Amino acid sequence: MPDLKEKVAIITGASSGIGRGTAVEFAQLGAHLALTGRNQEKLQATAKACVEAGTPQDKILLVTGDICDEQLQKNLVEQTVQKFGRVDVLVMTLS
């Protein structure tokens, strides 16, 4: 795996499956995370798992919604850049 320490990653579909697994793995590698998914409760559970894996809570951004919505896409990128200053990695895991 590449060095992700303090890299900013947007991960879609992060509330379950491959997206959740990717988020937790990136947390273990020290990434700052912007996570999106349709299920807020499951997305919060993913964030908790990421904190347990090593990413501080203040380095996680949650944006709930359907990534197919163009306005959500725009908001996700804007909020990520506002919070972290940039985007280094984009992982699309929606189905």
Protein backbone atom coordinates (compact mmCIF):
# COMPACT_ATOMS: atom_id res chain seq x y z
CA MET A 1 0.00 0.00 0.00
CA PRO A 2 1.16 3.54 -0.68
CA ASP A 3 1.91 5.89 2.19
CA LEU A 4 -1.40 7.57 3.07
CA LYS A 5 -0.28 9.34 6.24
CA GLU A 6 -2.14 12.68 6.32
CA LYS A 7 -3.40 12.22 2.75
CA VAL A 8 -7.01 13.33 2.22
CA ALA A 9 -9.23 10.61 0.78
CA ILE A 10 -12.84 10.82 -0.37
CA ILE A 11 -14.44 7.39 -0.20
CA THR A 12 -17.92 6.82 -1.62
CA GLY A 13 -20.11 3.92 -0.55
CA ALA A 14 -18.38 4.02 2.83
CA SER A 15 -21.37 2.86 4.84
CA SER A 16 -20.84 -0.83 3.95
CA GLY A 17 -18.92 -3.41 1.97
CA ILE A 18 -15.80 -2.48 0.04
CA GLY A 19 -16.23 1.22 0.84
CA ARG A 20 -16.32 0.57 4.58
CA GLY A 21 -13.36 -1.80 4.36
CA THR A 22 -11.39 0.74 2.35
CA ALA A 23 -12.18 3.49 4.87
CA VAL A 24 -10.96 1.38 7.80
CA GLU A 25 -7.81 0.35 5.92
CA PHE A 26 -7.05 3.97 5.00
CA ALA A 27 -7.62 4.94 8.66
CA GLN A 28 -5.02 2.37 9.71
CA LEU A 29 -2.63 3.97 7.21
CA GLY A 30 -3.15 7.46 8.68
CA ALA A 31 -5.39 9.07 6.06
CA HIS A 32 -7.80 11.91 6.69
CA LEU A 33 -11.22 10.78 5.50
CA ALA A 34 -14.25 12.26 3.76
CA LEU A 35 -16.82 9.48 3.77
CA THR A 36 -20.13 9.36 1.98
CA GLY A 37 -22.97 6.86 1.88
CA ARG A 38 -26.75 6.76 1.85
CA ASN A 39 -27.29 5.29 5.32
CA GLN A 40 -26.37 7.78 8.04
CA GLU A 41 -26.40 5.21 10.87
CA LYS A 42 -24.08 2.84 9.00
CA LEU A 43 -21.86 5.75 7.93
CA GLN A 44 -21.49 6.78 11.58
CA ALA A 45 -20.60 3.17 12.44
CA THR A 46 -17.90 3.28 9.75
CA ALA A 47 -16.56 6.52 11.23
CA LYS A 48 -16.40 4.88 14.66
CA ALA A 49 -14.47 1.94 13.18
CA CYS A 50 -12.08 4.42 11.52
CA VAL A 51 -11.45 6.17 14.84
CA GLU A 52 -10.75 2.79 16.44
CA ALA A 53 -8.35 2.09 13.54
CA GLY A 54 -6.38 5.26 14.19
CA THR A 55 -7.87 8.31 12.45
CA PRO A 56 -8.83 11.05 14.94
CA GLN A 57 -12.52 12.01 14.92
CA ASP A 58 -11.67 15.56 13.81
CA LYS A 59 -10.00 14.14 10.69
CA ILE A 60 -13.21 12.47 9.49
CA LEU A 61 -15.94 14.20 7.48
CA LEU A 62 -19.29 12.49 6.93
CA VAL A 63 -21.63 13.49 4.10
CA THR A 64 -24.81 11.43 3.92
CA GLY A 65 -26.62 11.05 0.62
CA ASP A 66 -26.70 9.46 -2.81
CA ILE A 67 -23.44 10.11 -4.67
CA CYS A 68 -25.38 9.97 -7.96
CA ASP A 69 -26.88 13.34 -6.97
CA GLU A 70 -24.78 16.03 -8.67
CA GLN A 71 -25.41 18.55 -5.88
CA LEU A 72 -24.15 16.05 -3.29
CA GLN A 73 -21.03 15.49 -5.40
CA LYS A 74 -20.35 19.22 -5.45
CA ASN A 75 -21.06 19.59 -1.72
CA LEU A 76 -18.81 16.64 -0.88
CA VAL A 77 -15.83 18.09 -2.71
CA GLU A 78 -16.45 21.62 -1.38
CA GLN A 79 -16.80 20.42 2.23
CA THR A 80 -13.71 18.23 1.91
CA VAL A 81 -11.59 21.09 0.57
CA GLN A 82 -13.00 23.45 3.20
CA LYS A 83 -12.16 21.04 6.04
CA PHE A 84 -8.85 19.61 4.81
CA GLY A 85 -7.62 22.07 2.17
CA ARG A 86 -7.32 19.54 -0.65
CA VAL A 87 -8.22 16.09 -2.03
CA ASP A 88 -5.40 13.59 -2.63
CA VAL A 89 -7.32 10.36 -3.27
CA LEU A 90 -10.79 9.52 -4.63
CA VAL A 91 -12.18 6.00 -4.16
CA MET A 92 -15.53 5.27 -5.84
CA THR A 93 -17.14 2.08 -4.51
CA LEU A 94 -20.81 2.62 -5.23
CA SER A 95 -22.90 -0.12 -6.76
